[in-house]
Amino acid sequence: MAYKVTQAVDYLDTNPLVSVFEEEWEALEFMNGCLDGAVQYRVAHSPYTISEKQLEEMHEQEGTLVRIEEVNTI
């Protein structure tokens, strides 16, 4: 069984990044790296101080843009 990770830039992204992994842990690790990188970018480029609550909200928002699916390989 393979795992496909789809990462969109925003909700209207018509060409999201798609990556396929043989193991579930690889897909989860990649997804977590994508989420952490996206949130870190937003924090680093924010002109304001980010609270813990805002940081959690950012993780939730970015999490809606990344999806993992099992795909059958034959």
N, C-alpha and C. Protein backbone atom coordinates (compact mmCIF):
# COMPACT_ATOMS: atom_id res chain seq x y z
N MET A 1 0.84 -1.18 0.00
CA MET A 1 0.00 0.00 0.00
C MET A 1 0.89 1.24 0.00
N ALA A 2 0.55 2.19 -0.82
CA ALA A 2 1.30 3.45 -0.90
C ALA A 2 0.42 4.57 -0.32
N TYR A 3 1.04 5.68 -0.04
CA TYR A 3 0.34 6.82 0.56
C TYR A 3 0.64 8.07 -0.26
N LYS A 4 -0.42 8.79 -0.61
CA LYS A 4 -0.28 10.01 -1.40
C LYS A 4 -0.55 11.20 -0.50
N VAL A 5 0.37 12.15 -0.50
CA VAL A 5 0.21 13.39 0.26
C VAL A 5 -0.01 14.51 -0.75
N THR A 6 -1.12 15.22 -0.58
CA THR A 6 -1.47 16.34 -1.45
C THR A 6 -1.37 17.62 -0.62
N GLN A 7 -0.54 18.55 -1.07
CA GLN A 7 -0.32 19.81 -0.36
C GLN A 7 -0.70 20.97 -1.26
N ALA A 8 -1.74 21.70 -0.85
CA ALA A 8 -2.19 22.87 -1.61
C ALA A 8 -1.65 24.14 -0.95
N VAL A 9 -1.45 25.16 -1.76
CA VAL A 9 -0.99 26.45 -1.25
C VAL A 9 -2.14 27.20 -0.58
N ASP A 10 -3.33 27.10 -1.21
CA ASP A 10 -4.53 27.68 -0.63
C ASP A 10 -5.72 26.88 -1.14
N TYR A 11 -6.93 27.29 -0.76
CA TYR A 11 -8.12 26.52 -1.11
C TYR A 11 -8.40 26.49 -2.61
N LEU A 12 -7.93 27.46 -3.35
CA LEU A 12 -8.18 27.55 -4.77
C LEU A 12 -7.03 27.02 -5.62
N ASP A 13 -6.07 26.37 -5.02
CA ASP A 13 -4.91 25.85 -5.73
C ASP A 13 -5.33 24.76 -6.72
N THR A 14 -5.12 25.01 -8.00
CA THR A 14 -5.50 24.04 -9.03
C THR A 14 -4.38 23.07 -9.37
N ASN A 15 -3.21 23.30 -8.83
CA ASN A 15 -2.06 22.44 -9.11
C ASN A 15 -1.29 22.15 -7.82
N PRO A 16 -1.90 21.39 -6.89
CA PRO A 16 -1.22 21.13 -5.62
C PRO A 16 -0.03 20.18 -5.80
N LEU A 17 0.89 20.24 -4.87
CA LEU A 17 2.04 19.35 -4.86
C LEU A 17 1.57 17.97 -4.41
N VAL A 18 1.87 16.94 -5.19
CA VAL A 18 1.48 15.58 -4.85
C VAL A 18 2.75 14.74 -4.71
N SER A 19 2.87 14.07 -3.57
CA SER A 19 4.02 13.21 -3.31
C SER A 19 3.50 11.84 -2.90
N VAL A 20 4.17 10.78 -3.34
CA VAL A 20 3.76 9.41 -3.02
C VAL A 20 4.87 8.73 -2.22
N PHE A 21 4.46 8.02 -1.17
CA PHE A 21 5.41 7.34 -0.28
C PHE A 21 4.99 5.89 -0.10
N GLU A 22 5.97 5.03 0.07
CA GLU A 22 5.70 3.60 0.26
C GLU A 22 5.19 3.30 1.67
N GLU A 23 5.68 4.02 2.64
CA GLU A 23 5.34 3.77 4.05
C GLU A 23 4.52 4.91 4.63
N GLU A 24 3.61 4.56 5.53
CA GLU A 24 2.76 5.58 6.16
C GLU A 24 3.58 6.57 6.98
N TRP A 25 4.59 6.08 7.69
CA TRP A 25 5.39 6.97 8.53
C TRP A 25 6.11 8.02 7.69
N GLU A 26 6.52 7.64 6.47
CA GLU A 26 7.18 8.61 5.59
C GLU A 26 6.21 9.71 5.18
N ALA A 27 4.99 9.32 4.85
CA ALA A 27 3.96 10.30 4.46
C ALA A 27 3.63 11.22 5.62
N LEU A 28 3.50 10.66 6.82
CA LEU A 28 3.19 11.47 8.00
C LEU A 28 4.34 12.43 8.33
N GLU A 29 5.57 11.94 8.21
CA GLU A 29 6.73 12.79 8.47
C GLU A 29 6.80 13.94 7.46
N PHE A 30 6.54 13.64 6.20
CA PHE A 30 6.54 14.66 5.16
C PHE A 30 5.44 15.69 5.43
N MET A 31 4.25 15.20 5.76
CA MET A 31 3.13 16.09 6.04
C MET A 31 3.44 17.02 7.22
N ASN A 32 3.98 16.46 8.28
CA ASN A 32 4.33 17.28 9.44
C ASN A 32 5.40 18.31 9.10
N GLY A 33 6.35 17.94 8.26
CA GLY A 33 7.37 18.88 7.81
C GLY A 33 6.76 20.01 6.99
N CYS A 34 5.80 19.67 6.14
CA CYS A 34 5.11 20.69 5.34
C CYS A 34 4.36 21.66 6.25
N LEU A 35 3.65 21.11 7.22
CA LEU A 35 2.88 21.95 8.14
C LEU A 35 3.79 22.86 8.95
N ASP A 36 4.85 22.28 9.50
CA ASP A 36 5.78 23.08 10.30
C ASP A 36 6.45 24.17 9.47
N GLY A 37 6.82 23.83 8.25
CA GLY A 37 7.45 24.81 7.37
C GLY A 37 6.52 25.96 7.00
N ALA A 38 5.27 25.63 6.70
CA ALA A 38 4.29 26.66 6.34
C ALA A 38 4.00 27.59 7.51
N VAL A 39 3.84 27.01 8.69
CA VAL A 39 3.58 27.83 9.88
C VAL A 39 4.79 28.68 10.22
N GLN A 40 5.97 28.10 10.15
CA GLN A 40 7.19 28.84 10.45
C GLN A 40 7.36 30.01 9.49
N TYR A 41 7.03 29.81 8.23
CA TYR A 41 7.13 30.89 7.24
C TYR A 41 6.19 32.03 7.62
N ARG A 42 4.95 31.68 7.98
CA ARG A 42 3.98 32.71 8.36
C ARG A 42 4.42 33.47 9.61
N VAL A 43 4.99 32.76 10.58
CA VAL A 43 5.46 33.40 11.81
C VAL A 43 6.66 34.31 11.50
N ALA A 44 7.59 33.82 10.71
CA ALA A 44 8.80 34.59 10.40
C ALA A 44 8.49 35.86 9.61
N HIS A 45 7.45 35.84 8.81
CA HIS A 45 7.13 36.99 7.98
C HIS A 45 6.00 37.86 8.54
N SER A 46 5.58 37.57 9.74
CA SER A 46 4.54 38.38 10.37
C SER A 46 5.16 39.60 11.04
N PRO A 47 4.60 40.77 10.82
CA PRO A 47 5.13 41.96 11.48
C PRO A 47 4.67 42.07 12.94
N TYR A 48 3.82 41.12 13.37
CA TYR A 48 3.25 41.16 14.72
C TYR A 48 3.74 39.98 15.54
N THR A 49 3.64 40.12 16.84
CA THR A 49 3.93 39.02 17.73
C THR A 49 2.79 38.01 17.65
N ILE A 50 3.13 36.73 17.59
CA ILE A 50 2.14 35.66 17.45
C ILE A 50 1.92 35.01 18.82
N SER A 51 0.68 34.95 19.25
CA SER A 51 0.35 34.30 20.53
C SER A 51 0.25 32.79 20.32
N GLU A 52 0.22 32.04 21.42
CA GLU A 52 0.09 30.59 21.34
C GLU A 52 -1.22 30.20 20.67
N LYS A 53 -2.29 30.92 20.97
CA LYS A 53 -3.60 30.64 20.37
C LYS A 53 -3.54 30.86 18.85
N GLN A 54 -2.92 31.94 18.43
CA GLN A 54 -2.79 32.22 17.00
C GLN A 54 -1.94 31.16 16.31
N LEU A 55 -0.90 30.68 17.01
CA LEU A 55 -0.04 29.64 16.47
C LEU A 55 -0.83 28.35 16.26
N GLU A 56 -1.67 27.98 17.23
CA GLU A 56 -2.53 26.80 17.10
C GLU A 56 -3.50 26.96 15.93
N GLU A 57 -4.06 28.16 15.78
CA GLU A 57 -4.98 28.42 14.68
C GLU A 57 -4.28 28.30 13.33
N MET A 58 -3.03 28.76 13.27
CA MET A 58 -2.26 28.64 12.03
C MET A 58 -2.05 27.17 11.68
N HIS A 59 -1.73 26.35 12.69
CA HIS A 59 -1.54 24.92 12.45
C HIS A 59 -2.83 24.29 11.92
N GLU A 60 -3.96 24.67 12.49
CA GLU A 60 -5.24 24.15 12.04
C GLU A 60 -5.52 24.58 10.60
N GLN A 61 -5.27 25.84 10.30
CA GLN A 61 -5.51 26.35 8.95
C GLN A 61 -4.63 25.64 7.92
N GLU A 62 -3.37 25.50 8.23
CA GLU A 62 -2.45 24.83 7.31
C GLU A 62 -2.79 23.34 7.19
N GLY A 63 -3.29 22.76 8.28
CA GLY A 63 -3.66 21.35 8.26
C GLY A 63 -4.80 21.04 7.31
N THR A 64 -5.65 22.01 7.05
CA THR A 64 -6.75 21.79 6.12
C THR A 64 -6.27 21.77 4.67
N LEU A 65 -5.05 22.18 4.42
CA LEU A 65 -4.51 22.23 3.06
C LEU A 65 -3.67 21.02 2.69
N VAL A 66 -3.46 20.12 3.65
CA VAL A 66 -2.64 18.93 3.42
C VAL A 66 -3.51 17.69 3.67
N ARG A 67 -3.42 16.73 2.74
CA ARG A 67 -4.26 15.54 2.84
C ARG A 67 -3.44 14.30 2.56
N ILE A 68 -3.70 13.23 3.31
CA ILE A 68 -3.05 11.94 3.08
C ILE A 68 -4.12 10.94 2.65
N GLU A 69 -3.80 10.17 1.60
CA GLU A 69 -4.71 9.14 1.12
C GLU A 69 -3.93 7.85 0.88
N GLU A 70 -4.58 6.73 1.14
CA GLU A 70 -4.00 5.44 0.77
C GLU A 70 -4.30 5.20 -0.71
N VAL A 71 -3.32 4.75 -1.44
CA VAL A 71 -3.53 4.41 -2.85
C VAL A 71 -3.06 2.99 -3.11
N ASN A 72 -3.81 2.29 -3.91
CA ASN A 72 -3.43 0.92 -4.27
C ASN A 72 -2.43 0.95 -5.40
N THR A 73 -1.38 0.20 -5.24
CA THR A 73 -0.38 0.06 -6.30
C THR A 73 -0.44 -1.36 -6.81
N ILE A 74 -0.58 -1.49 -8.08
CA ILE A 74 -0.70 -2.84 -8.68
C ILE A 74 0.45 -3.08 -9.62
